[in-house]
C-alpha atoms as a PDB file:
ATOM      1  CA  MET A   1     103.812  -4.209-214.528  1.00  0.00           C
ATOM      2  CA  LYS A   2     103.114  -6.233-218.031  1.00  0.00           C
ATOM      3  CA  ARG A   3     104.901  -3.783-219.902  1.00  0.00           C
ATOM      4  CA  PHE A   4     108.237  -4.389-217.736  1.00  0.00           C
ATOM      5  CA  GLN A   5     108.200  -7.940-218.926  1.00  0.00           C
ATOM      6  CA  PRO A   6     110.866  -7.841-221.816  1.00  0.00           C
ATOM      7  CA  LEU A   7     112.886  -5.241-220.133  1.00  0.00           C
ATOM      8  CA  ILE A   8     112.752  -7.672-217.237  1.00  0.00           C
ATOM      9  CA  LYS A   9     113.093 -10.506-219.083  1.00  0.00           C
ATOM     10  CA  ASP A  10     116.435  -9.516-221.337  1.00  0.00           C
ATOM     11  CA  ILE A  11     118.268  -8.060-218.524  1.00  0.00           C
ATOM     12  CA  CYS A  12     117.011 -11.408-215.994  1.00  0.00           C
ATOM     13  CA  MET A  13     118.610 -14.168-219.337  1.00  0.00           C
ATOM     14  CA  LYS A  14     121.194 -12.178-219.917  1.00  0.00           C
ATOM     15  CA  LEU A  15     123.187 -11.501-216.975  1.00  0.00           C
ATOM     16  CA  SER A  16     126.395 -12.581-216.191  1.00  0.00           C
ATOM     17  CA  ASN A  17     128.346 -14.705-212.541  1.00  0.00           C
ATOM     18  CA  LYS A  18     130.569 -10.673-212.361  1.00  0.00           C
ATOM     19  CA  GLN A  19     126.937  -8.899-212.664  1.00  0.00           C
ATOM     20  CA  LYS A  20     125.125 -11.643-210.379  1.00  0.00           C
ATOM     21  CA  GLN A  21     128.328 -11.099-208.055  1.00  0.00           C
ATOM     22  CA  PHE A  22     128.140  -7.048-207.877  1.00  0.00           C
ATOM     23  CA  LEU A  23     124.404  -7.989-206.488  1.00  0.00           C
ATOM     24  CA  LYS A  24     125.497 -10.905-203.972  1.00  0.00           C
ATOM     25  CA  GLY A  25     127.954  -7.552-202.782  1.00  0.00           C
ATOM     26  CA  LEU A  26     124.972  -4.996-202.549  1.00  0.00           C
ATOM     27  CA  ALA A  27     122.453  -7.429-201.197  1.00  0.00           C
ATOM     28  CA  HIS A  28     125.555  -8.625-197.706  1.00  0.00           C
ATOM     29  CA  SER A  29     124.405  -4.834-196.004  1.00  0.00           C
ATOM     30  CA  LEU A  30     120.714  -5.206-196.408  1.00  0.00           C
ATOM     31  CA  LYS A  31     118.000  -6.813-194.131  1.00  0.00           C
ATOM     32  CA  PRO A  32     115.260  -8.493-194.960  1.00  0.00           C
ATOM     33  CA  VAL A  33     112.399  -6.325-195.283  1.00  0.00           C
ATOM     34  CA  VAL A  34     109.672  -8.472-196.265  1.00  0.00           C
ATOM     35  CA  LEU A  35     108.894 -11.154-193.685  1.00  0.00           C
ATOM     36  CA  LEU A  36     106.941 -14.755-194.606  1.00  0.00           C
ATOM     37  CA  GLY A  37     105.211 -16.003-191.794  1.00  0.00           C
ATOM     38  CA  GLN A  38     102.825 -18.749-190.857  1.00  0.00           C
ATOM     39  CA  ASN A  39     100.219 -18.072-192.788  1.00  0.00           C
ATOM     40  CA  GLY A  40     102.860 -18.544-195.996  1.00  0.00           C
ATOM     41  CA  LEU A  41     102.991 -16.372-199.506  1.00  0.00           C
ATOM     42  CA  THR A  42      99.289 -14.554-200.013  1.00  0.00           C
ATOM     43  CA  GLU A  43      98.391 -12.234-201.339  1.00  0.00           C
ATOM     44  CA  GLY A  44      98.689  -8.833-199.019  1.00  0.00           C
ATOM     45  CA  VAL A  45     102.203  -9.995-199.308  1.00  0.00           C
ATOM     46  CA  LEU A  46     102.981 -10.867-202.582  1.00  0.00           C
ATOM     47  CA  ALA A  47     102.014  -7.077-202.925  1.00  0.00           C
ATOM     48  CA  GLU A  48     104.240  -5.749-200.739  1.00  0.00           C
ATOM     49  CA  ILE A  49     107.268  -7.680-201.940  1.00  0.00           C
ATOM     50  CA  GLU A  50     106.140  -6.173-205.604  1.00  0.00           C
ATOM     51  CA  ASN A  51     105.918  -2.389-203.519  1.00  0.00           C
ATOM     52  CA  ALA A  52     108.820  -3.019-202.120  1.00  0.00           C
ATOM     53  CA  ILE A  53     110.951  -4.599-205.141  1.00  0.00           C
ATOM     54  CA  SER A  54     109.583  -1.830-207.435  1.00  0.00           C
ATOM     55  CA  HIS A  55     111.243   0.972-205.411  1.00  0.00           C
ATOM     56  CA  HIS A  56     114.510  -0.853-204.701  1.00  0.00           C
ATOM     57  CA  GLU A  57     115.286  -2.667-207.024  1.00  0.00           C
ATOM     58  CA  LEU A  58     117.225  -5.328-204.445  1.00  0.00           C
ATOM     59  CA  ILE A  59     115.586  -7.004-201.016  1.00  0.00           C
ATOM     60  CA  LYS A  60     115.482  -9.609-199.101  1.00  0.00           C
ATOM     61  CA  VAL A  61     112.615 -11.986-198.044  1.00  0.00           C
ATOM     62  CA  LYS A  62     112.841 -13.923-195.391  1.00  0.00           C
ATOM     63  CA  ILE A  63     110.970 -17.464-196.050  1.00  0.00           C
ATOM     64  CA  ALA A  64     110.032 -18.949-192.358  1.00  0.00           C
ATOM     65  CA  THR A  65     109.778 -22.483-193.501  1.00  0.00           C
ATOM     66  CA  ASP A  66     112.051 -25.901-192.080  1.00  0.00           C
ATOM     67  CA  ASP A  67     111.340 -27.525-195.555  1.00  0.00           C
ATOM     68  CA  ARG A  68     113.153 -26.835-198.324  1.00  0.00           C
ATOM     69  CA  GLU A  69     110.309 -28.348-200.960  1.00  0.00           C
ATOM     70  CA  THR A  70     107.866 -25.494-199.408  1.00  0.00           C
ATOM     71  CA  LYS A  71     110.549 -22.864-199.633  1.00  0.00           C
ATOM     72  CA  GLN A  72     111.985 -24.056-203.294  1.00  0.00           C
ATOM     73  CA  LEU A  73     108.115 -23.710-204.351  1.00  0.00           C
ATOM     74  CA  ILE A  74     107.505 -20.255-202.540  1.00  0.00           C
ATOM     75  CA  ILE A  75     110.368 -19.033-204.181  1.00  0.00           C
ATOM     76  CA  ASP A  76     109.047 -19.971-207.248  1.00  0.00           C
ATOM     77  CA  ALA A  77     105.781 -18.600-207.143  1.00  0.00           C
ATOM     78  CA  ILE A  78     107.348 -15.212-205.947  1.00  0.00           C
ATOM     79  CA  VAL A  79     109.422 -15.028-208.598  1.00  0.00           C
ATOM     80  CA  ARG A  80     107.303 -16.006-210.945  1.00  0.00           C
ATOM     81  CA  GLU A  81     103.712 -13.653-209.790  1.00  0.00           C
ATOM     82  CA  THR A  82     106.900 -10.512-209.516  1.00  0.00           C
ATOM     83  CA  GLU A  83     108.628 -11.602-212.704  1.00  0.00           C
ATOM     84  CA  ALA A  84     111.951 -10.853-210.579  1.00  0.00           C
ATOM     85  CA  LEU A  85     115.093 -13.126-210.208  1.00  0.00           C
ATOM     86  CA  ALA A  86     116.324 -14.816-207.687  1.00  0.00           C
ATOM     87  CA  ILE A  87     119.911 -13.938-206.932  1.00  0.00           C
ATOM     88  CA  ALA A  88     120.934 -15.432-204.106  1.00  0.00           C
ATOM     89  CA  LYS A  89     119.277 -18.477-201.776  1.00  0.00           C
ATOM     90  CA  ILE A  90     121.015 -18.545-198.528  1.00  0.00           C
ATOM     91  CA  GLY A  91     119.019 -19.995-195.285  1.00  0.00           C
ATOM     92  CA  HIS A  92     115.536 -18.947-194.400  1.00  0.00           C
ATOM     93  CA  ILE A  93     116.896 -15.209-197.110  1.00  0.00           C
ATOM     94  CA  VAL A  94     116.420 -15.313-201.276  1.00  0.00           C
ATOM     95  CA  VAL A  95     117.540 -11.673-202.673  1.00  0.00           C
ATOM     96  CA  LEU A  96     115.760 -10.498-205.480  1.00  0.00           C
ATOM     97  CA  TYR A  97     116.675  -8.651-208.622  1.00  0.00           C
ATOM     98  CA  ARG A  98     114.388  -6.581-210.904  1.00  0.00           C
ATOM     99  CA  PRO A  99     115.462  -3.538-213.033  1.00  0.00           C
ATOM    100  CA  SER A 100     113.221  -0.465-212.376  1.00  0.00           C
ATOM    101  CA  GLU A 101     112.873   2.207-215.275  1.00  0.00           C
ATOM    102  CA  ALA A 102     114.658   4.431-212.782  1.00  0.00           C
ATOM    103  CA  LYS A 103     118.030   2.391-213.159  1.00  0.00           C
ATOM    104  CA  LYS A 104     119.102   2.851-209.498  1.00  0.00           C
ATOM    105  CA  ILE A 105     121.550   0.541-209.538  1.00  0.00           C
ATOM    106  CA  GLU A 106     124.189   0.475-211.999  1.00  0.00           C
ATOM    107  CA  LEU A 107     125.252  -2.588-213.146  1.00  0.00           C
ATOM    108  CA  PRO A 108     129.308  -4.138-214.298  1.00  0.00           C
ATOM    109  CA  ARG A 109     129.857  -4.136-217.819  1.00  0.00           C
ATOM    110  CA  LYS A 110     129.996  -8.489-218.733  1.00  0.00           C
END
């Protein structure tokens, strides 16, 4: 996981608005892959998010909490632990993107 860190930080820090919009468009038709329940963010949930984002690059996660502050803390923890980029937050859904070495998603030029 740590071997991707420089690559991920370089790409995530330099995503243009056009690239973010492109990713949002791709994510529109996706269903949430991981659902956080009453237990919140556990090691098992983080492992499942890590597995899904490694395989798909772009995923949706549904966070079942009504408290905005708690939801934001959970999103921040997911982003920190998975080293992904939160592309969009709409309601209870967060869209996460992390490029892989296989480059399954080809981003448009800036």
